C-alpha atoms as a PDB file:
ATOM      1  CA  MET A   1      12.660  11.026 -23.118  1.00  0.00           C
ATOM      2  CA  VAL A   2      12.428  13.514 -19.991  1.00  0.00           C
ATOM      3  CA  ASN A   3      14.114  17.144 -19.067  1.00  0.00           C
ATOM      4  CA  ILE A   4      17.262  16.525 -16.608  1.00  0.00           C
ATOM      5  CA  ASP A   5      16.163  19.670 -15.455  1.00  0.00           C
ATOM      6  CA  ASP A   6      12.808  18.509 -14.283  1.00  0.00           C
ATOM      7  CA  ALA A   7      13.512  15.289 -13.615  1.00  0.00           C
ATOM      8  CA  VAL A   8      12.969  13.298  -9.932  1.00  0.00           C
ATOM      9  CA  ILE A   9      14.936  10.417  -8.768  1.00  0.00           C
ATOM     10  CA  ALA A  10      13.288   7.234  -7.721  1.00  0.00           C
ATOM     11  CA  ARG A  11      15.372   5.171  -5.279  1.00  0.00           C
ATOM     12  CA  TYR A  12      14.939   0.977  -4.545  1.00  0.00           C
ATOM     13  CA  ASN A  13      17.526   0.008  -1.474  1.00  0.00           C
ATOM     14  CA  LYS A  14      18.113  -3.863  -1.927  1.00  0.00           C
ATOM     15  CA  GLN A  15      20.438  -6.257   0.152  1.00  0.00           C
ATOM     16  CA  GLY A  16      22.214  -3.012   1.266  1.00  0.00           C
ATOM     17  CA  VAL A  17      23.044  -1.659  -2.235  1.00  0.00           C
ATOM     18  CA  ASN A  18      21.006   1.836  -2.904  1.00  0.00           C
ATOM     19  CA  PHE A  19      20.251   1.909  -6.625  1.00  0.00           C
ATOM     20  CA  GLU A  20      18.623   5.531  -8.283  1.00  0.00           C
ATOM     21  CA  ILE A  21      17.157   6.631 -11.323  1.00  0.00           C
ATOM     22  CA  LEU A  22      15.822  10.175 -12.948  1.00  0.00           C
ATOM     23  CA  VAL A  23      12.581   9.679 -13.954  1.00  0.00           C
ATOM     24  CA  ASP A  24       9.411  12.508 -14.289  1.00  0.00           C
ATOM     25  CA  CYS A  25       7.285  12.031 -11.226  1.00  0.00           C
ATOM     26  CA  GLU A  26       3.673  12.374 -12.703  1.00  0.00           C
ATOM     27  CA  LYS A  27       4.606   9.853 -15.410  1.00  0.00           C
ATOM     28  CA  ALA A  28       6.452   7.491 -12.954  1.00  0.00           C
ATOM     29  CA  ILE A  29       3.730   7.371 -10.417  1.00  0.00           C
ATOM     30  CA  ALA A  30       1.395   6.196 -12.961  1.00  0.00           C
ATOM     31  CA  LEU A  31       3.781   3.767 -14.386  1.00  0.00           C
ATOM     32  CA  LYS A  32       4.210   2.246 -10.562  1.00  0.00           C
ATOM     33  CA  ASN A  33      -0.210   2.530 -10.408  1.00  0.00           C
ATOM     34  CA  GLY A  34       0.063   0.124 -12.523  1.00  0.00           C
ATOM     35  CA  ASN A  35      -1.267   2.344 -15.795  1.00  0.00           C
ATOM     36  CA  LYS A  36      -0.693   0.469 -18.861  1.00  0.00           C
ATOM     37  CA  ASN A  37      -0.531   3.231 -21.222  1.00  0.00           C
ATOM     38  CA  VAL A  38       2.134   4.363 -19.611  1.00  0.00           C
ATOM     39  CA  MET A  39       5.900   3.937 -21.628  1.00  0.00           C
ATOM     40  CA  ILE A  40       8.174   3.096 -18.935  1.00  0.00           C
ATOM     41  CA  ASP A  41      10.867   5.613 -22.030  1.00  0.00           C
ATOM     42  CA  ASP A  42       8.333   8.266 -21.510  1.00  0.00           C
ATOM     43  CA  VAL A  43       9.543   7.703 -17.904  1.00  0.00           C
ATOM     44  CA  ILE A  44      13.557   7.885 -17.725  1.00  0.00           C
ATOM     45  CA  SER A  45      15.447  11.119 -18.099  1.00  0.00           C
ATOM     46  CA  VAL A  46      19.074   9.231 -18.531  1.00  0.00           C
ATOM     47  CA  GLU A  47      19.667   5.964 -19.553  1.00  0.00           C
ATOM     48  CA  SER A  48      22.353   4.828 -15.843  1.00  0.00           C
ATOM     49  CA  VAL A  49      21.651   3.516 -13.004  1.00  0.00           C
ATOM     50  CA  PHE A  50      22.862   5.782 -10.299  1.00  0.00           C
ATOM     51  CA  THR A  51      24.037   4.734  -6.758  1.00  0.00           C
ATOM     52  CA  ASP A  52      23.959   8.482  -5.201  1.00  0.00           C
ATOM     53  CA  VAL A  53      22.276  10.293  -8.686  1.00  0.00           C
ATOM     54  CA  LYS A  54      23.505  13.774  -7.261  1.00  0.00           C
ATOM     55  CA  LYS A  55      27.511  12.676  -6.412  1.00  0.00           C
ATOM     56  CA  GLY A  56      26.664  10.787 -10.337  1.00  0.00           C
ATOM     57  CA  PHE A  57      28.572   7.492  -8.795  1.00  0.00           C
ATOM     58  CA  ARG A  58      27.235   4.373 -10.788  1.00  0.00           C
ATOM     59  CA  ALA A  59      25.917   0.767  -9.817  1.00  0.00           C
ATOM     60  CA  SER A  60      27.740  -1.967 -11.621  1.00  0.00           C
ATOM     61  CA  GLU A  61      26.660  -4.302 -13.673  1.00  0.00           C
ATOM     62  CA  LYS A  62      27.458  -6.553 -10.288  1.00  0.00           C
ATOM     63  CA  ASP A  63      25.391  -4.950  -7.823  1.00  0.00           C
ATOM     64  CA  MET A  64      22.380  -4.886 -10.295  1.00  0.00           C
ATOM     65  CA  GLU A  65      22.220  -9.127 -11.554  1.00  0.00           C
ATOM     66  CA  LYS A  66      23.480  -9.498  -8.175  1.00  0.00           C
ATOM     67  CA  VAL A  67      20.015  -7.609  -7.283  1.00  0.00           C
ATOM     68  CA  PHE A  68      18.115  -7.626 -10.349  1.00  0.00           C
ATOM     69  CA  ASN A  69      18.985 -10.782 -12.341  1.00  0.00           C
ATOM     70  CA  THR A  70      19.827  -8.952 -14.983  1.00  0.00           C
ATOM     71  CA  THR A  71      21.238  -5.574 -16.313  1.00  0.00           C
ATOM     72  CA  ASN A  72      18.855  -4.560 -19.094  1.00  0.00           C
ATOM     73  CA  PHE A  73      17.975  -0.988 -18.070  1.00  0.00           C
ATOM     74  CA  ARG A  74      14.583  -0.915 -18.472  1.00  0.00           C
ATOM     75  CA  ASP A  75      13.115  -4.330 -16.612  1.00  0.00           C
ATOM     76  CA  VAL A  76      15.484  -2.641 -13.671  1.00  0.00           C
ATOM     77  CA  ALA A  77      14.226   1.093 -14.276  1.00  0.00           C
ATOM     78  CA  ILE A  78      10.952  -0.578 -14.054  1.00  0.00           C
ATOM     79  CA  LYS A  79      11.848  -2.715 -11.078  1.00  0.00           C
ATOM     80  CA  ILE A  80      12.836   0.512  -9.219  1.00  0.00           C
ATOM     81  CA  ILE A  81      10.083   3.076 -10.104  1.00  0.00           C
ATOM     82  CA  LYS A  82       7.520  -0.148  -9.477  1.00  0.00           C
ATOM     83  CA  GLU A  83       9.022  -1.389  -5.634  1.00  0.00           C
ATOM     84  CA  GLY A  84      11.180   1.738  -4.994  1.00  0.00           C
ATOM     85  CA  GLU A  85      10.129   5.466  -3.857  1.00  0.00           C
ATOM     86  CA  VAL A  86      10.156   8.046  -6.354  1.00  0.00           C
ATOM     87  CA  GLN A  87      10.767  11.489  -5.475  1.00  0.00           C
ATOM     88  CA  LEU A  88       7.527  13.195  -5.578  1.00  0.00           C
ATOM     89  CA  THR A  89       6.895  17.486  -6.831  1.00  0.00           C
ATOM     90  CA  SER A  90       5.739  20.304  -4.860  1.00  0.00           C
ATOM     91  CA  GLU A  91       3.451  21.220  -7.465  1.00  0.00           C
ATOM     92  CA  TYR A  92       2.494  17.208  -7.722  1.00  0.00           C
ATOM     93  CA  ARG A  93       2.100  16.588  -3.766  1.00  0.00           C
ATOM     94  CA  ASP A  94      -0.118  19.685  -3.499  1.00  0.00           C
ATOM     95  CA  ARG A  95      -2.504  18.822  -6.343  1.00  0.00           C
ATOM     96  CA  ILE A  96      -2.640  14.991  -4.644  1.00  0.00           C
ATOM     97  CA  ARG A  97      -3.219  16.290  -1.550  1.00  0.00           C
ATOM     98  CA  ASN A  98      -5.766  19.260  -2.391  1.00  0.00           C
ATOM     99  CA  GLU A  99      -8.184  17.007  -4.600  1.00  0.00           C
ATOM    100  CA  LYS A 100      -7.697  14.595  -1.889  1.00  0.00           C
ATOM    101  CA  LYS A 101      -8.872  17.002   0.223  1.00  0.00           C
ATOM    102  CA  LYS A 102     -12.353  17.790  -1.892  1.00  0.00           C
ATOM    103  CA  SER A 103     -12.269  13.413  -1.965  1.00  0.00           C
ATOM    104  CA  ILE A 104     -12.524  13.627   2.879  1.00  0.00           C
ATOM    105  CA  ILE A 105     -14.689  16.690   2.217  1.00  0.00           C
ATOM    106  CA  ASN A 106     -16.957  14.875   0.160  1.00  0.00           C
ATOM    107  CA  LEU A 107     -17.283  11.794   2.140  1.00  0.00           C
ATOM    108  CA  ILE A 108     -17.448  13.703   4.628  1.00  0.00           C
ATOM    109  CA  HIS A 109     -20.546  15.577   3.300  1.00  0.00           C
ATOM    110  CA  ARG A 110     -22.361  12.797   1.395  1.00  0.00           C
ATOM    111  CA  ASN A 111     -22.412  10.355   5.242  1.00  0.00           C
ATOM    112  CA  ALA A 112     -22.384  12.063   8.095  1.00  0.00           C
ATOM    113  CA  ILE A 113     -24.920  14.773   9.921  1.00  0.00           C
ATOM    114  CA  ASN A 114     -25.144  18.119  12.976  1.00  0.00           C
ATOM    115  CA  PRO A 115     -26.372  16.133  14.532  1.00  0.00           C
ATOM    116  CA  GLU A 116     -29.004  19.286  15.809  1.00  0.00           C
ATOM    117  CA  ASN A 117     -30.552  19.227  12.901  1.00  0.00           C
ATOM    118  CA  ASN A 118     -30.209  16.134  10.830  1.00  0.00           C
ATOM    119  CA  LEU A 119     -29.457  17.106   8.182  1.00  0.00           C
ATOM    120  CA  PRO A 120     -25.623  17.119   6.346  1.00  0.00           C
ATOM    121  CA  HIS A 121     -22.899  20.044   6.662  1.00  0.00           C
ATOM    122  CA  PRO A 122     -22.829  22.098   4.022  1.00  0.00           C
ATOM    123  CA  PRO A 123     -19.046  20.951   2.125  1.00  0.00           C
ATOM    124  CA  GLN A 124     -17.871  24.781   2.930  1.00  0.00           C
ATOM    125  CA  ARG A 125     -18.040  24.267   6.643  1.00  0.00           C
ATOM    126  CA  ILE A 126     -16.436  21.129   6.335  1.00  0.00           C
ATOM    127  CA  GLU A 127     -13.387  22.818   4.625  1.00  0.00           C
ATOM    128  CA  ALA A 128     -13.350  25.720   6.783  1.00  0.00           C
ATOM    129  CA  ALA A 129     -13.746  23.117   9.821  1.00  0.00           C
ATOM    130  CA  ILE A 130     -10.066  21.489   8.507  1.00  0.00           C
ATOM    131  CA  GLU A 131      -8.862  24.163   8.082  1.00  0.00           C
ATOM    132  CA  GLU A 132      -9.439  25.713  11.516  1.00  0.00           C
ATOM    133  CA  ALA A 133      -8.294  22.771  12.913  1.00  0.00           C
ATOM    134  CA  LYS A 134      -5.205  22.610  11.034  1.00  0.00           C
ATOM    135  CA  VAL A 135      -6.209  19.321   9.530  1.00  0.00           C
ATOM    136  CA  LYS A 136      -2.771  17.395   7.820  1.00  0.00           C
ATOM    137  CA  ILE A 137      -4.035  16.025   4.740  1.00  0.00           C
ATOM    138  CA  ASP A 138      -1.841  12.578   3.961  1.00  0.00           C
ATOM    139  CA  GLU A 139      -1.454  12.339   0.565  1.00  0.00           C
ATOM    140  CA  PHE A 140      -0.426   8.430   0.914  1.00  0.00           C
ATOM    141  CA  LYS A 141      -3.217   7.089   2.473  1.00  0.00           C
ATOM    142  CA  SER A 142      -6.757   6.923   0.871  1.00  0.00           C
ATOM    143  CA  ALA A 143      -9.640   9.146   1.756  1.00  0.00           C
ATOM    144  CA  GLU A 144     -11.354   6.711   3.562  1.00  0.00           C
ATOM    145  CA  ASP A 145      -8.591   5.463   5.679  1.00  0.00           C
ATOM    146  CA  GLN A 146      -8.379   9.304   7.386  1.00  0.00           C
ATOM    147  CA  ILE A 147     -12.179  10.661   7.212  1.00  0.00           C
ATOM    148  CA  LYS A 148     -12.352   8.883  11.167  1.00  0.00           C
ATOM    149  CA  ASP A 149      -9.085  10.117  12.542  1.00  0.00           C
ATOM    150  CA  ILE A 150     -10.565  13.592  10.910  1.00  0.00           C
ATOM    151  CA  ILE A 151     -13.243  13.856  11.898  1.00  0.00           C
ATOM    152  CA  ASP A 152     -12.505  13.625  15.770  1.00  0.00           C
ATOM    153  CA  LYS A 153      -9.917  16.649  15.203  1.00  0.00           C
ATOM    154  CA  ILE A 154     -12.977  18.516  13.586  1.00  0.00           C
ATOM    155  CA  ARG A 155     -15.847  17.429  16.271  1.00  0.00           C
ATOM    156  CA  HIS A 156     -14.829  20.482  18.727  1.00  0.00           C
ATOM    157  CA  ILE A 157     -15.530  22.592  16.258  1.00  0.00           C
ATOM    158  CA  MET A 158     -19.199  21.585  14.782  1.00  0.00           C
ATOM    159  CA  PRO A 159     -21.245  18.941  15.901  1.00  0.00           C
ATOM    160  CA  ILE A 160     -20.639  15.543  13.841  1.00  0.00           C
ATOM    161  CA  LYS A 161     -21.845  12.561  13.335  1.00  0.00           C
ATOM    162  CA  TYR A 162     -21.604   9.416  11.073  1.00  0.00           C
ATOM    163  CA  GLU A 163     -25.037   7.619  10.500  1.00  0.00           C
ATOM    164  CA  VAL A 164     -26.398   4.923   8.536  1.00  0.00           C
ATOM    165  CA  ARG A 165     -29.520   5.391   8.677  1.00  0.00           C
ATOM    166  CA  GLU A 166     -33.089   2.676   7.229  1.00  0.00           C
ATOM    167  CA  VAL A 167     -35.535   3.623   4.758  1.00  0.00           C
ATOM    168  CA  ALA A 168     -38.441   2.565   3.301  1.00  0.00           C
ATOM    169  CA  PHE A 169     -39.594   3.298   0.744  1.00  0.00           C
ATOM    170  CA  LYS A 170     -43.463   2.511  -1.339  1.00  0.00           C
ATOM    171  CA  ILE A 171     -43.643   3.708  -4.614  1.00  0.00           C
ATOM    172  CA  PRO A 172     -46.552   3.043  -7.327  1.00  0.00           C
ATOM    173  CA  ALA A 173     -46.344   1.400 -10.419  1.00  0.00           C
ATOM    174  CA  GLU A 174     -45.373   3.490 -13.090  1.00  0.00           C
ATOM    175  CA  HIS A 175     -42.501   4.728 -11.273  1.00  0.00           C
ATOM    176  CA  SER A 176     -41.444   1.672  -9.546  1.00  0.00           C
ATOM    177  CA  GLY A 177     -38.888   0.295 -12.138  1.00  0.00           C
ATOM    178  CA  LYS A 178     -36.812   3.748 -12.622  1.00  0.00           C
ATOM    179  CA  SER A 179     -36.597   3.937  -8.572  1.00  0.00           C
ATOM    180  CA  PHE A 180     -35.418   1.234  -8.252  1.00  0.00           C
ATOM    181  CA  THR A 181     -32.406   1.701 -10.226  1.00  0.00           C
ATOM    182  CA  ILE A 182     -31.729   4.830  -8.057  1.00  0.00           C
ATOM    183  CA  ILE A 183     -32.675   3.869  -4.873  1.00  0.00           C
ATOM    184  CA  LYS A 184     -30.151   1.043  -5.635  1.00  0.00           C
ATOM    185  CA  LYS A 185     -27.402   3.755  -6.558  1.00  0.00           C
ATOM    186  CA  TYR A 186     -27.800   5.598  -3.701  1.00  0.00           C
ATOM    187  CA  GLY A 187     -26.869   2.830  -0.434  1.00  0.00           C
ATOM    188  CA  LYS A 188     -27.565  -0.797   0.049  1.00  0.00           C
ATOM    189  CA  LEU A 189     -31.284  -2.378  -0.833  1.00  0.00           C
ATOM    190  CA  THR A 190     -32.189  -4.737   2.341  1.00  0.00           C
ATOM    191  CA  LYS A 191     -35.812  -5.625   0.914  1.00  0.00           C
ATOM    192  CA  GLU A 192     -37.211  -5.916  -2.503  1.00  0.00           C
ATOM    193  CA  GLU A 193     -41.625  -6.478  -2.674  1.00  0.00           C
ATOM    194  CA  TRP A 194     -43.347  -6.297  -6.003  1.00  0.00           C
ATOM    195  CA  GLY A 195     -46.939  -6.216  -5.738  1.00  0.00           C
ATOM    196  CA  ASN A 196     -49.121  -7.682  -8.069  1.00  0.00           C
ATOM    197  CA  ASP A 197     -49.925  -4.643  -9.722  1.00  0.00           C
ATOM    198  CA  GLY A 198     -46.345  -3.468 -10.027  1.00  0.00           C
ATOM    199  CA  SER A 199     -45.331  -1.011  -6.660  1.00  0.00           C
ATOM    200  CA  LEU A 200     -42.730  -1.825  -5.041  1.00  0.00           C
ATOM    201  CA  LEU A 201     -41.801  -2.189  -1.616  1.00  0.00           C
ATOM    202  CA  ALA A 202     -38.029  -1.186  -0.833  1.00  0.00           C
ATOM    203  CA  ILE A 203     -36.250  -0.855   2.122  1.00  0.00           C
ATOM    204  CA  VAL A 204     -32.332   0.565   1.798  1.00  0.00           C
ATOM    205  CA  GLU A 205     -29.536   1.733   3.767  1.00  0.00           C
ATOM    206  CA  ILE A 206     -28.391   4.877   3.198  1.00  0.00           C
ATOM    207  CA  PRO A 207     -25.692   7.516   4.728  1.00  0.00           C
ATOM    208  CA  ALA A 208     -27.334  10.032   6.060  1.00  0.00           C
ATOM    209  CA  GLY A 209     -25.823  12.951   4.377  1.00  0.00           C
ATOM    210  CA  LEU A 210     -27.702  11.271   1.405  1.00  0.00           C
ATOM    211  CA  GLN A 211     -31.216  11.099   2.489  1.00  0.00           C
ATOM    212  CA  ASP A 212     -32.524  14.609   1.445  1.00  0.00           C
ATOM    213  CA  GLU A 213     -30.462  13.976  -2.104  1.00  0.00           C
ATOM    214  CA  LEU A 214     -32.452  10.801  -2.790  1.00  0.00           C
ATOM    215  CA  TYR A 215     -36.018  12.347  -1.458  1.00  0.00           C
ATOM    216  CA  ARG A 216     -34.937  14.595  -3.750  1.00  0.00           C
ATOM    217  CA  GLU A 217     -34.629  12.429  -6.902  1.00  0.00           C
ATOM    218  CA  LEU A 218     -37.528  10.291  -6.305  1.00  0.00           C
ATOM    219  CA  ASN A 219     -39.655  13.428  -5.572  1.00  0.00           C
ATOM    220  CA  ASN A 220     -38.969  14.999  -8.621  1.00  0.00           C
ATOM    221  CA  LEU A 221     -39.332  11.356 -10.645  1.00  0.00           C
ATOM    222  CA  THR A 222     -42.777  10.170  -9.461  1.00  0.00           C
ATOM    223  CA  HIS A 223     -44.161  14.261  -8.304  1.00  0.00           C
ATOM    224  CA  GLY A 224     -43.918  13.494  -5.067  1.00  0.00           C
ATOM    225  CA  ASN A 225     -46.013  10.325  -5.637  1.00  0.00           C
ATOM    226  CA  VAL A 226     -44.127   8.360  -3.113  1.00  0.00           C
ATOM    227  CA  GLU A 227     -43.967   6.986   0.563  1.00  0.00           C
ATOM    228  CA  SER A 228     -41.205   6.908   2.619  1.00  0.00           C
ATOM    229  CA  ARG A 229     -39.780   6.646   6.009  1.00  0.00           C
ATOM    230  CA  ILE A 230     -37.135   6.292   8.489  1.00  0.00           C
ATOM    231  CA  ILE A 231     -37.526   2.664  10.064  1.00  0.00           C
ATOM    232  CA  GLY A 232     -33.969   2.473  11.530  1.00  0.00           C
ATOM    233  CA  SER A 233     -30.386   4.021  12.164  1.00  0.00           C
ATOM    234  CA  ARG A 234     -26.620   3.768  13.399  1.00  0.00           C
END
């Protein structure tokens, strides 16, 4: 069990009754998110269900039976954690927010460009713009769900444009197989034609920020023996 001094409250309110238990923050979040390696005994601190932990008011078996259809503590605790709210420690919240921030920066770097030179912004520049714009990262929302609002907020600090490009590649037979695997890794393949000699014509949609990275990888593989051209963008 978890040391009570390190525990936080998991809370669930149903049918006008409040239920609270003491849990380990990180393990409870892991259990809530479906991690099957976390057992309830590793999560809980005290084998009691409360209506108010701070006041020490315990929940009645009658209320637990009415809401959960059981008075079994572990069954009730799992329900509270999975369907209720788990308090986050400041350390955990900060770490999750920093991880989410890194994901957002990476997404912008990979998917957006500087329209002044058609190149991706360096991650350090994106991070500086986020700091300057005083953007608040929401640790509860996915990075993808926050991208649009964040780009709108940093647009007045740095020129930025989301763009998807359609690029055609022509690759000789000796490199076509491995090149095909690389191309599929970077974007959505919209056309592939294999020549009788084994050469490949491929058209792929890729985020503009990934174009140079894809070019570098293909050029390294083929020793520069690859033809490419942008045939569209949106």
